[in-house]
């Protein structure tokens, strides 16, 4: 895995006949190369049971705090809708049926003999609703819904318009970094729906890159990744048609945002004599 990815584990269906022991779980974790642990953005454990909570408690001393913060327990599939495209997940039929039965019982796992939902030993679960003002780490379709149909996410439009109006000619605008603390504070302001002012000319570029980096699913989607990586190997005459085919396969919201982004980047490249952004 060379790029960021999100892992979803459907726990329903585990029983005494197929349940791994703790030694196996620990050895499996240790087998993961460092890049797999580094590049994973989030691990969602769907329909956790007491076994999962006990397993986490046992494995906690062997798992880094940084990796532990990436783990979230998810009580129902609906809680993933704000961060992932559910229609793009290969959800097993038994898992979907089980989720429906939970919804029918009002989401109370104790009525089904499963025990009550509790907080993860690492951090709180996703039982709280995502704030309507949330901007980072949520799906494009979710942002469109919360912005009353606005196709371009607010963060993207705000950053692009600021860059075009104020700093598009600044040398190396997309190459320079901004203070990590400033980036965190700016993200928080966006997520809280507060006004954002850019004092550092490179900050809007960093925020724009951060927004796309933290999308639950990449703008070009995981599904098209393998095909995208093969375009460069095609003969020059076939590349344009291949790219058109890939773009046409994108979800509609991804396509709209990609078109907006590319149009902006063409303008940035048009000022390359001054900003030196040629690639």
Protein backbone atom coordinates (compact mmCIF):
# COMPACT_ATOMS: atom_id res chain seq x y z
CA UNK A 1 0.00 0.00 0.00
CA UNK A 2 1.73 3.15 -1.21
CA UNK A 3 -1.08 5.63 -0.48
CA UNK A 4 -3.59 6.33 2.29
CA UNK A 5 -6.41 3.85 2.76
CA UNK A 6 -9.34 3.11 5.06
CA UNK A 7 -10.14 -0.34 6.43
CA UNK A 8 -13.63 -1.53 7.37
CA UNK A 9 -13.99 -4.74 9.39
CA UNK A 10 -17.43 -6.36 9.58
CA UNK A 11 -17.41 -8.28 12.85
CA UNK A 12 -20.82 -9.94 12.59
CA UNK A 13 -20.54 -13.63 11.78
CA UNK A 14 -17.62 -14.39 14.08
CA UNK A 15 -18.37 -17.40 16.27
CA UNK A 16 -16.63 -20.06 18.34
CA UNK A 17 -15.78 -22.08 15.24
CA UNK A 18 -13.96 -19.33 13.38
CA UNK A 19 -12.80 -17.01 16.17
CA UNK A 20 -8.98 -16.51 16.18
CA UNK A 21 -7.10 -16.64 19.48
CA UNK A 22 -5.30 -13.64 20.91
CA UNK A 23 -1.86 -15.01 20.05
CA UNK A 24 -2.87 -15.17 16.39
CA UNK A 25 -4.23 -11.60 16.50
CA UNK A 26 -1.00 -10.32 18.00
CA UNK A 27 1.17 -12.18 15.48
CA UNK A 28 -1.02 -10.92 12.62
CA UNK A 29 -0.60 -7.32 13.78
CA UNK A 30 3.19 -7.73 14.00
CA UNK A 31 3.27 -9.11 10.43
CA UNK A 32 2.00 -5.82 9.03
CA UNK A 33 4.81 -3.81 7.47
CA UNK A 34 5.27 -0.31 8.87
CA UNK A 35 3.87 1.33 5.73
CA UNK A 36 0.56 -0.50 6.17
CA UNK A 37 0.23 0.90 9.69
CA UNK A 38 1.43 4.34 8.63
CA UNK A 39 -0.77 4.73 5.55
CA UNK A 40 -4.02 3.49 7.04
CA UNK A 41 -6.14 6.56 7.80
CA UNK A 42 -8.90 4.84 9.73
CA UNK A 43 -10.02 1.38 10.83
CA UNK A 44 -13.76 1.00 11.41
CA UNK A 45 -14.96 -2.04 13.35
CA UNK A 46 -18.62 -2.57 12.52
CA UNK A 47 -20.97 -4.33 14.97
CA UNK A 48 -18.38 -4.86 17.76
CA UNK A 49 -19.11 -7.36 20.53
CA UNK A 50 -17.62 -8.06 23.92
CA UNK A 51 -14.94 -10.19 22.20
CA UNK A 52 -13.73 -7.11 20.31
CA UNK A 53 -13.56 -5.00 23.46
CA UNK A 54 -11.63 -7.71 25.28
CA UNK A 55 -9.30 -8.18 22.30
CA UNK A 56 -8.57 -4.47 22.21
CA UNK A 57 -7.79 -4.50 25.90
CA UNK A 58 -5.37 -7.39 25.48
CA UNK A 59 -3.68 -5.89 22.41
CA UNK A 60 -3.48 -2.33 23.72
CA UNK A 61 0.04 -2.69 25.22
CA UNK A 62 1.34 -3.91 21.86
CA UNK A 63 -0.31 -1.28 19.66
CA UNK A 64 1.10 2.20 19.29
CA UNK A 65 -1.01 5.08 20.58
CA UNK A 66 -0.93 6.67 17.12
CA UNK A 67 -2.37 3.54 15.49
CA UNK A 68 -4.84 3.14 18.33
CA UNK A 69 -6.30 6.57 17.61
CA UNK A 70 -7.19 5.36 14.12
CA UNK A 71 -9.52 2.68 15.49
CA UNK A 72 -13.25 3.32 15.78
CA UNK A 73 -16.10 1.03 16.77
CA UNK A 74 -19.26 1.55 14.74
CA UNK A 75 -22.58 0.42 16.16
CA UNK A 76 -24.56 0.52 12.90
CA UNK A 77 -23.80 0.86 9.19
CA UNK A 78 -25.65 4.17 9.05
CA UNK A 79 -22.91 5.74 11.12
CA UNK A 80 -20.48 5.20 8.24
CA UNK A 81 -22.59 7.13 5.75
CA UNK A 82 -21.04 10.46 6.74
CA UNK A 83 -17.49 9.28 6.12
CA UNK A 84 -17.71 6.55 3.46
CA UNK A 85 -19.76 5.67 0.38
CA UNK A 86 -21.79 2.71 1.61
CA UNK A 87 -22.74 1.76 -1.95
CA UNK A 88 -19.06 1.29 -2.73
CA UNK A 89 -18.52 -1.17 0.13
CA UNK A 90 -18.86 -4.91 -0.46
CA UNK A 91 -21.13 -5.47 2.53
CA UNK A 92 -21.98 -9.18 3.03
CA UNK A 93 -25.70 -9.92 2.99
CA UNK A 94 -25.70 -11.40 6.53
CA UNK A 95 -24.13 -8.17 7.81
CA UNK A 96 -26.82 -6.05 6.13
CA UNK A 97 -29.57 -8.26 7.52
CA UNK A 98 -28.10 -8.11 11.00
CA UNK A 99 -27.86 -4.32 10.76
CA UNK A 100 -31.54 -4.14 9.82
CA UNK A 101 -32.45 -6.26 12.83
CA UNK A 102 -30.57 -3.84 15.08
CA UNK A 103 -32.44 -0.91 13.55
CA UNK A 104 -35.74 -2.73 14.12
CA UNK A 105 -34.90 -3.19 17.78
CA UNK A 106 -34.08 0.50 18.09
CA UNK A 107 -30.35 -0.07 18.04
CA UNK A 108 -30.34 -1.65 21.51
CA UNK A 109 -27.87 -4.53 21.33
CA UNK A 110 -28.82 -5.71 24.82
CA UNK A 111 -32.22 -6.78 23.47
CA UNK A 112 -30.41 -9.21 21.22
CA UNK A 113 -28.16 -10.67 23.88
CA UNK A 114 -25.08 -8.96 22.51
CA UNK A 115 -24.37 -6.65 25.44
CA UNK A 116 -24.54 -2.89 25.34
CA UNK A 117 -22.39 -0.66 23.19
CA UNK A 118 -19.53 0.96 25.07
CA UNK A 119 -16.65 3.26 24.27
CA UNK A 120 -13.56 1.86 22.64
CA UNK A 121 -10.58 1.40 24.95
CA UNK A 122 -8.73 3.67 22.55
CA UNK A 123 -11.24 6.48 22.00
CA UNK A 124 -14.93 7.26 21.75
CA UNK A 125 -16.96 5.48 19.10
CA UNK A 126 -18.98 7.09 16.33
CA UNK A 127 -22.20 7.09 18.31
CA UNK A 128 -22.35 10.89 18.24
CA UNK A 129 -23.65 12.46 15.07
CA UNK A 130 -21.18 14.34 12.88
CA UNK A 131 -21.75 18.12 13.24
CA UNK A 132 -23.47 19.69 10.25
CA UNK A 133 -20.56 22.13 9.97
CA UNK A 134 -17.92 19.39 9.64
CA UNK A 135 -15.71 19.93 6.60
CA UNK A 136 -12.72 17.58 6.90
CA UNK A 137 -12.78 13.80 6.83
CA UNK A 138 -16.32 13.45 5.47
CA UNK A 139 -17.64 12.33 2.09
CA UNK A 140 -18.31 14.74 -0.77
CA UNK A 141 -21.95 13.66 -1.02
CA UNK A 142 -22.38 14.36 2.69
CA UNK A 143 -20.94 17.87 2.28
CA UNK A 144 -23.26 18.54 -0.65
CA UNK A 145 -26.27 17.44 1.37
CA UNK A 146 -25.34 19.61 4.35
CA UNK A 147 -24.68 22.66 2.14
CA UNK A 148 -28.12 22.46 0.51
CA UNK A 149 -26.91 21.15 -2.81
CA UNK A 150 -23.70 23.15 -3.24
CA UNK A 151 -21.51 21.07 -5.58
CA UNK A 152 -18.15 22.46 -4.50
CA UNK A 153 -17.24 21.96 -0.81
CA UNK A 154 -16.95 25.21 1.11
CA UNK A 155 -13.29 24.63 2.06
CA UNK A 156 -12.32 24.01 -1.56
CA UNK A 157 -14.14 27.06 -2.89
CA UNK A 158 -12.91 29.33 -0.07
CA UNK A 159 -9.27 28.31 -0.56
CA UNK A 160 -9.37 28.45 -4.36
CA UNK A 161 -11.01 31.87 -4.45
CA UNK A 162 -8.51 33.25 -1.93
CA UNK A 163 -5.54 31.84 -3.84
CA UNK A 164 -6.77 33.21 -7.18
CA UNK A 165 -7.44 36.63 -5.74
CA UNK A 166 -4.36 37.03 -3.57
CA UNK A 167 -1.47 34.58 -3.88
CA UNK A 168 -1.63 32.76 -7.20
CA UNK A 169 1.61 34.44 -8.31
CA UNK A 170 3.55 33.75 -5.10
CA UNK A 171 6.63 31.63 -5.75
CA UNK A 172 6.24 27.99 -4.72
CA UNK A 173 2.73 28.41 -3.30
CA UNK A 174 2.01 24.67 -3.31
CA UNK A 175 5.50 23.62 -2.25
CA UNK A 176 5.87 25.48 1.04
CA UNK A 177 4.50 24.14 4.30
CA UNK A 178 2.62 25.96 7.03
CA UNK A 179 2.97 25.57 10.79
CA UNK A 180 1.27 22.37 11.95
CA UNK A 181 -0.43 24.18 14.83
CA UNK A 182 -1.84 26.78 12.43
CA UNK A 183 -3.15 24.06 10.13
CA UNK A 184 -4.88 22.32 13.05
CA UNK A 185 -6.45 25.55 14.26
CA UNK A 186 -7.65 26.46 10.76
CA UNK A 187 -9.19 23.02 10.26
CA UNK A 188 -10.99 23.36 13.57
CA UNK A 189 -12.37 26.76 12.56
CA UNK A 190 -13.69 25.30 9.32
CA UNK A 191 -15.19 22.30 11.12
CA UNK A 192 -16.95 24.60 13.58
CA UNK A 193 -18.33 26.79 10.80
CA UNK A 194 -16.35 29.82 11.93
CA UNK A 195 -14.93 32.51 9.58
CA UNK A 196 -11.40 31.76 8.38
CA UNK A 197 -8.79 34.35 7.49
CA UNK A 198 -5.47 33.42 5.87
CA UNK A 199 -2.46 35.36 7.13
CA UNK A 200 0.17 32.97 5.79
CA UNK A 201 0.07 33.02 1.95
CA UNK A 202 0.86 29.30 1.84
CA UNK A 203 -1.81 28.28 4.35
CA UNK A 204 -4.78 28.09 1.91
CA UNK A 205 -2.73 25.78 -0.34
CA UNK A 206 -1.86 23.53 2.59
CA UNK A 207 -5.50 23.47 3.73
CA UNK A 208 -6.67 22.64 0.20
CA UNK A 209 -4.24 19.71 -0.03
CA UNK A 210 -5.21 18.57 3.48
CA UNK A 211 -8.90 18.57 2.57
CA UNK A 212 -8.38 16.18 -0.34
CA UNK A 213 -5.88 14.07 1.60
CA UNK A 214 -8.40 13.51 4.40
CA UNK A 215 -11.35 12.52 2.24
CA UNK A 216 -12.63 9.09 3.34
CA UNK A 217 -12.40 7.97 -0.28
CA UNK A 218 -9.93 9.56 -2.75
CA UNK A 219 -11.29 11.97 -5.33
CA UNK A 220 -10.37 9.48 -8.07
CA UNK A 221 -11.68 6.59 -5.88
CA UNK A 222 -10.01 3.37 -4.78
CA UNK A 223 -11.95 1.43 -7.40
CA UNK A 224 -10.22 3.22 -10.28
CA UNK A 225 -6.74 3.23 -8.74
CA UNK A 226 -5.35 0.21 -10.61
CA UNK A 227 -6.63 1.48 -13.97
CA UNK A 228 -5.26 4.96 -13.34
CA UNK A 229 -1.83 3.55 -12.57
CA UNK A 230 -1.75 1.72 -15.91
CA UNK A 231 -2.52 4.79 -18.07
CA UNK A 232 1.14 5.82 -18.16
CA UNK A 233 2.04 2.43 -19.65
CA UNK A 234 -0.34 2.86 -22.58
CA UNK A 235 0.84 4.12 -25.97
CA UNK A 236 0.64 7.92 -26.20
CA UNK A 237 -2.20 7.75 -28.74
CA UNK A 238 -4.39 5.74 -26.35
CA UNK A 239 -3.92 7.78 -23.17
CA UNK A 240 -6.46 10.52 -23.83
CA UNK A 241 -9.29 8.09 -24.52
CA UNK A 242 -8.31 6.02 -21.48
CA UNK A 243 -8.40 9.08 -19.23
CA UNK A 244 -11.79 10.12 -20.64
CA UNK A 245 -13.12 6.66 -19.89
CA UNK A 246 -11.84 6.79 -16.31
CA UNK A 247 -13.24 10.26 -15.70
CA UNK A 248 -16.62 9.15 -17.04
CA UNK A 249 -16.61 6.30 -14.50
CA UNK A 250 -16.28 8.65 -11.54
CA UNK A 251 -19.24 9.27 -9.22
CA UNK A 252 -21.00 12.46 -10.35
CA UNK A 253 -19.97 14.47 -7.28
CA UNK A 254 -16.33 13.46 -7.66
CA UNK A 255 -16.43 14.46 -11.32
CA UNK A 256 -17.79 17.93 -10.57
CA UNK A 257 -15.16 18.61 -7.91
CA UNK A 258 -12.36 17.21 -10.07
CA UNK A 259 -13.38 19.46 -12.98
CA UNK A 260 -13.38 22.50 -10.68
CA UNK A 261 -9.98 21.57 -9.25
CA UNK A 262 -8.35 20.96 -12.64
CA UNK A 263 -9.68 24.25 -13.99
CA UNK A 264 -8.08 26.01 -11.02
CA UNK A 265 -4.76 24.17 -11.41
CA UNK A 266 -4.66 25.20 -15.08
CA UNK A 267 -4.85 28.83 -13.89
CA UNK A 268 -2.04 28.16 -11.40
CA UNK A 269 0.10 26.67 -14.16
CA UNK A 270 -0.69 29.69 -16.31
CA UNK A 271 1.23 31.83 -13.82
CA UNK A 272 4.22 29.47 -13.68
CA UNK A 273 6.64 32.17 -14.86
CA UNK A 274 6.11 33.80 -11.49
CA UNK A 275 4.98 31.06 -9.09
CA UNK A 276 7.32 28.42 -10.56
CA UNK A 277 4.57 25.80 -10.30
CA UNK A 278 5.21 23.93 -13.54
CA UNK A 279 4.25 20.44 -12.33
